[in-house]
Protein backbone atom coordinates (compact mmCIF):
# COMPACT_ATOMS: atom_id res chain seq x y z
CA MET A 1 -90.96 58.24 43.24
CA THR A 2 -89.77 59.40 39.83
CA ASP A 3 -86.47 61.10 39.01
CA ALA A 4 -87.07 62.95 35.75
CA THR A 5 -83.74 64.76 35.67
CA ASP A 6 -82.60 62.96 32.51
CA GLU A 7 -84.53 62.96 29.26
CA TYR A 8 -83.20 59.62 28.06
CA LEU A 9 -82.67 57.70 31.30
CA ARG A 10 -85.62 57.70 33.68
CA LEU A 11 -85.38 56.51 37.27
CA ASP A 12 -88.49 55.40 39.12
CA GLN A 13 -88.72 53.78 42.53
CA ALA A 14 -91.65 51.77 43.84
CA GLY A 15 -91.02 50.65 47.39
CA ARG A 16 -87.68 48.86 47.48
CA VAL A 17 -87.50 48.31 43.71
CA ALA A 18 -85.75 50.85 41.46
CA TRP A 19 -86.50 50.95 37.73
CA ILE A 20 -84.13 52.47 35.19
CA THR A 21 -85.78 53.02 31.81
CA VAL A 22 -83.73 53.73 28.69
CA ASN A 23 -86.10 56.25 27.16
CA ARG A 24 -85.32 56.74 23.47
CA PRO A 25 -87.99 54.62 21.78
CA GLU A 26 -87.77 56.68 18.58
CA ALA A 27 -84.12 55.52 18.30
CA ARG A 28 -84.83 51.97 19.47
CA ASN A 29 -83.33 53.00 22.82
CA ALA A 30 -79.84 53.41 21.39
CA MET A 31 -77.27 54.68 23.89
CA THR A 32 -75.13 57.79 23.52
CA PHE A 33 -71.77 58.12 25.26
CA GLU A 34 -73.36 60.50 27.76
CA MET A 35 -76.11 57.98 28.51
CA TYR A 36 -73.52 55.31 29.31
CA GLU A 37 -71.91 57.67 31.82
CA ARG A 38 -75.27 58.55 33.33
CA LEU A 39 -76.23 54.87 33.61
CA HIS A 40 -72.98 54.13 35.42
CA ASP A 41 -73.64 56.95 37.88
CA LEU A 42 -77.22 55.86 38.49
CA CYS A 43 -76.09 52.31 39.29
CA GLU A 44 -73.43 53.70 41.64
CA ARG A 45 -76.03 55.79 43.41
CA LEU A 46 -78.58 52.99 43.71
CA ASP A 47 -76.03 50.48 44.94
CA GLY A 48 -75.32 52.77 47.88
CA ASP A 49 -78.98 53.42 48.66
CA PRO A 50 -80.18 51.24 51.58
CA GLY A 51 -83.76 51.83 50.52
CA VAL A 52 -83.22 49.94 47.24
CA ARG A 53 -83.14 46.13 47.28
CA VAL A 54 -83.62 45.33 43.58
CA LEU A 55 -82.84 47.11 40.30
CA VAL A 56 -84.81 46.57 37.09
CA LEU A 57 -83.37 47.75 33.78
CA ARG A 58 -85.76 48.17 30.86
CA GLY A 59 -86.25 49.99 27.56
CA ALA A 60 -89.17 52.26 26.73
CA GLY A 61 -91.80 50.85 24.38
CA ASP A 62 -92.07 47.31 23.08
CA LYS A 63 -89.71 47.41 20.09
CA ALA A 64 -86.33 47.34 21.80
CA PHE A 65 -84.69 46.81 25.17
CA VAL A 66 -81.53 48.60 24.03
CA SER A 67 -80.22 48.53 20.46
CA GLY A 68 -76.60 49.23 21.36
CA THR A 69 -74.74 52.48 20.76
CA ASP A 70 -76.13 55.29 18.61
CA ILE A 71 -74.22 54.77 15.36
CA ARG A 72 -73.72 58.50 14.85
CA GLN A 73 -71.32 58.41 17.79
CA PHE A 74 -68.86 56.54 15.58
CA LEU A 75 -68.61 59.09 12.77
CA GLU A 76 -65.61 60.82 14.34
CA PHE A 77 -63.65 57.67 15.22
CA LYS A 78 -60.10 58.16 13.91
CA THR A 79 -57.49 57.27 16.52
CA ARG A 80 -56.53 54.36 18.75
CA GLU A 81 -57.65 56.48 21.70
CA ASP A 82 -61.14 56.75 20.19
CA ALA A 83 -61.39 52.96 19.94
CA LEU A 84 -59.87 52.09 23.29
CA SER A 85 -61.75 54.77 25.23
CA TYR A 86 -65.04 53.61 23.70
CA GLU A 87 -64.50 49.99 24.72
CA ALA A 88 -63.30 51.15 28.14
CA ARG A 89 -66.55 53.11 28.52
CA ILE A 90 -68.62 50.04 27.64
CA THR A 91 -66.59 47.84 29.97
CA ARG A 92 -66.96 50.35 32.80
CA VAL A 93 -70.76 50.32 32.49
CA LEU A 94 -70.99 46.54 32.21
CA GLU A 95 -68.73 46.14 35.22
CA ARG A 96 -70.82 48.60 37.24
CA ILE A 97 -74.07 46.78 36.44
CA ASN A 98 -72.49 43.39 37.06
CA ALA A 99 -70.92 44.55 40.34
CA MET A 100 -74.22 45.68 41.87
CA THR A 101 -74.54 44.13 45.32
CA LYS A 102 -78.30 43.98 44.83
CA PRO A 103 -80.16 41.67 42.42
CA THR A 104 -80.63 43.11 38.94
CA ILE A 105 -83.30 42.16 36.43
CA ALA A 106 -83.27 42.93 32.71
CA MET A 107 -86.84 43.32 31.43
CA VAL A 108 -86.41 42.66 27.71
CA GLN A 109 -89.50 43.94 25.93
CA GLY A 110 -88.20 43.87 22.36
CA ASP A 111 -84.74 43.44 20.82
CA ALA A 112 -81.58 43.37 22.94
CA VAL A 113 -78.94 43.99 20.31
CA GLY A 114 -75.22 44.79 20.49
CA GLY A 115 -74.55 46.69 23.67
CA GLY A 116 -78.14 45.99 24.68
CA LEU A 117 -77.46 42.27 24.66
CA PHE A 118 -74.41 42.75 26.86
CA MET A 119 -76.21 45.11 29.23
CA SER A 120 -78.84 42.42 29.72
CA LEU A 121 -76.11 39.85 30.33
CA ALA A 122 -74.57 42.06 33.00
CA CYS A 123 -77.83 41.70 34.92
CA ASP A 124 -78.47 38.70 37.16
CA LEU A 125 -81.83 37.70 35.72
CA ARG A 126 -83.42 38.23 32.32
CA LEU A 127 -87.15 38.07 31.64
CA ALA A 128 -88.18 38.53 28.03
CA ALA A 129 -91.27 39.11 25.95
CA SER A 130 -92.07 36.33 23.50
CA HIS A 131 -91.26 38.65 20.57
CA ALA A 132 -87.84 39.65 21.93
CA ARG A 133 -84.63 38.87 20.04
CA PHE A 134 -81.01 38.79 21.14
CA GLY A 135 -77.71 39.17 19.31
CA ALA A 136 -74.71 41.27 18.33
CA PRO A 137 -74.73 41.17 14.51
CA VAL A 138 -71.79 43.55 14.04
CA ALA A 139 -70.20 41.17 11.52
CA ARG A 140 -72.90 42.22 9.03
CA THR A 141 -73.58 45.77 10.24
CA LEU A 142 -70.64 47.84 11.49
CA GLY A 143 -67.60 45.61 11.33
CA ASN A 144 -66.48 46.46 14.85
CA CYS A 145 -65.85 43.95 17.65
CA THR A 146 -67.14 42.78 21.00
CA ALA A 147 -65.65 44.22 24.18
CA PRO A 148 -63.66 41.54 26.04
CA LEU A 149 -65.84 41.67 29.15
CA ALA A 150 -68.96 41.56 26.98
CA PHE A 151 -67.77 38.37 25.30
CA THR A 152 -66.89 36.89 28.68
CA LEU A 153 -70.41 37.57 30.00
CA PHE A 154 -71.87 36.03 26.84
CA ALA A 155 -69.66 32.96 26.94
CA ASN A 156 -70.31 32.43 30.65
CA THR A 157 -74.04 32.47 29.97
CA VAL A 158 -74.44 30.26 26.91
CA GLY A 159 -71.00 28.66 26.59
CA PRO A 160 -68.08 29.87 24.45
CA VAL A 161 -68.87 27.66 21.45
CA ARG A 162 -72.49 28.78 21.24
CA ALA A 163 -71.51 32.42 21.83
CA ARG A 164 -68.97 32.15 19.02
CA ASN A 165 -71.59 30.65 16.69
CA ILE A 166 -74.09 33.44 17.34
CA LEU A 167 -71.47 36.15 16.79
CA LEU A 168 -69.90 34.52 13.72
CA THR A 169 -73.25 34.02 12.00
CA ALA A 170 -74.41 37.54 13.00
CA ARG A 171 -77.88 36.22 13.67
CA LEU A 172 -80.57 37.26 16.12
CA VAL A 173 -81.81 34.63 18.55
CA GLU A 174 -85.56 34.39 19.02
CA ALA A 175 -86.93 34.37 22.57
CA SER A 176 -87.85 30.69 22.51
CA GLU A 177 -84.30 29.68 21.57
CA ALA A 178 -82.87 32.17 24.04
CA ARG A 179 -84.83 30.46 26.81
CA ALA A 180 -83.67 27.03 25.67
CA ILE A 181 -79.97 27.95 25.72
CA GLY A 182 -80.10 29.83 29.01
CA LEU A 183 -79.82 33.32 27.55
CA VAL A 184 -83.03 34.29 29.35
CA ASP A 185 -84.65 32.88 32.48
CA GLU A 186 -88.30 33.34 31.57
CA VAL A 187 -90.32 34.21 28.47
CA HIS A 188 -93.81 35.70 28.71
CA PRO A 189 -96.34 37.32 26.36
CA GLY A 190 -95.55 40.98 25.98
CA ASP A 191 -98.68 42.15 27.78
CA GLN A 192 -97.81 40.02 30.81
CA LEU A 193 -94.09 40.72 31.07
CA GLU A 194 -94.12 43.77 33.33
CA ALA A 195 -96.41 42.07 35.85
CA LYS A 196 -94.10 39.05 35.95
CA VAL A 197 -91.06 41.27 36.46
CA ARG A 198 -92.77 43.17 39.27
CA GLU A 199 -93.75 39.90 40.94
CA LEU A 200 -90.19 38.58 40.77
CA ALA A 201 -88.68 41.87 41.96
CA GLU A 202 -90.98 42.01 44.98
CA ARG A 203 -90.14 38.42 45.83
CA LEU A 204 -86.45 39.23 45.78
CA THR A 205 -86.94 42.19 48.14
CA GLU A 206 -88.18 39.75 50.78
CA LEU A 207 -84.99 37.66 50.77
CA ALA A 208 -81.86 38.16 52.90
CA PRO A 209 -79.89 40.93 51.15
CA LEU A 210 -76.47 39.88 52.44
CA THR A 211 -77.05 36.33 51.26
CA LEU A 212 -78.02 37.55 47.81
CA ALA A 213 -74.94 39.80 47.71
CA ALA A 214 -72.76 36.83 48.68
CA VAL A 215 -74.25 34.69 45.91
CA LYS A 216 -73.56 37.44 43.39
CA GLU A 217 -69.96 37.94 44.51
CA ALA A 218 -69.24 34.20 44.52
CA THR A 219 -70.63 33.94 40.99
CA ARG A 220 -68.48 36.84 39.80
CA ARG A 221 -65.34 35.30 41.24
CA VAL A 222 -66.00 31.98 39.50
CA THR A 223 -67.13 33.25 36.10
CA ARG A 224 -64.74 36.16 35.64
CA ALA A 225 -61.56 34.30 36.44
CA GLY A 226 -60.94 33.87 32.73
CA ALA A 227 -62.08 37.31 31.60
CA LEU A 228 -60.18 38.66 28.62
CA ARG A 229 -58.15 41.68 29.60
CA ASP A 230 -55.23 42.12 27.22
CA ALA A 231 -57.22 42.78 24.07
CA GLU A 232 -56.03 46.09 22.66
CA ASP A 233 -54.88 44.39 19.47
CA ILE A 234 -58.34 42.89 18.91
CA ILE A 235 -60.08 46.22 19.48
CA LEU A 236 -57.74 48.25 17.28
CA SER A 237 -57.81 45.73 14.43
CA CYS A 238 -61.51 46.48 13.97
CA TYR A 239 -62.06 50.09 15.00
CA LEU A 240 -59.12 51.50 13.04
CA SER A 241 -59.96 49.57 9.88
CA GLU A 242 -61.37 50.86 6.62
CA ASP A 243 -64.10 48.26 6.99
CA PHE A 244 -65.36 49.89 10.20
CA LYS A 245 -65.56 53.30 8.50
CA GLU A 246 -67.43 51.69 5.63
CA GLY A 247 -69.73 49.82 8.03
CA VAL A 248 -70.73 53.00 9.82
CA ARG A 249 -71.35 54.85 6.54
CA ALA A 250 -73.33 51.93 5.11
CA PHE A 251 -75.46 51.57 8.24
CA LEU A 252 -76.39 55.25 8.21
CA ASP A 253 -76.99 55.14 4.44
CA LYS A 254 -79.21 52.04 4.91
CA ARG A 255 -77.25 49.96 2.40
CA PRO A 256 -75.15 46.77 2.56
CA ALA A 257 -71.52 47.34 3.48
CA ASN A 258 -68.79 46.60 0.97
CA TRP A 259 -66.33 44.67 3.14
CA GLN A 260 -62.70 44.64 2.01
CA GLY A 261 -61.00 42.96 4.94
CA ARG A 262 -58.69 45.89 5.65
């Protein structure tokens, strides 16, 4: 079954496995604000569907899983409400993916960058192509910051010190390193990845769904106990800065940003 009601988010269902495909390969599967809302609603719908046992999240093509938010969405950022509502939108989507009662798999065929990294981390399992890369290099691109829940998911996966190192150095982690540090569960050649994901998804559909839901909820309770919540000052210090405006302009102009620290 295919639900083609959305140009940029495609829903397919094969048996008890639902597949959501971020379908903007020409934009490296960058997300618009509307796409985030649609993704949230799709997850809500699928979580309540008894015919779905597993959700797979993927990006179209082999260049990118998701490359974060479409940078053009930031051109009109001017107020504290712009900044806080944006991070609230990201947090809402990550929470919805993470709160799925059914197992979720991120099929990372290409780069998972920025919001794409954190969307993959909100999933339970991550299988990646050998050419995939992971990171949130905003310290050298836009000059914005990481949503508190996003950092919590990252730190819970690879440890806070390693997460801090990757964000501070603004580097992209190759698939082999990602596997070594626990950022992904499996790495496969690109032409074998989908088959491996399908095999895993089918295997999960055969397991006791209430047991899997209990494992997921227990994990959430343990790992989110220390989630950062009171972080408005962190968010506003970046999004209302001159550096962020410069970062957005520089990114769209395809030039290095001139950081001023203000």
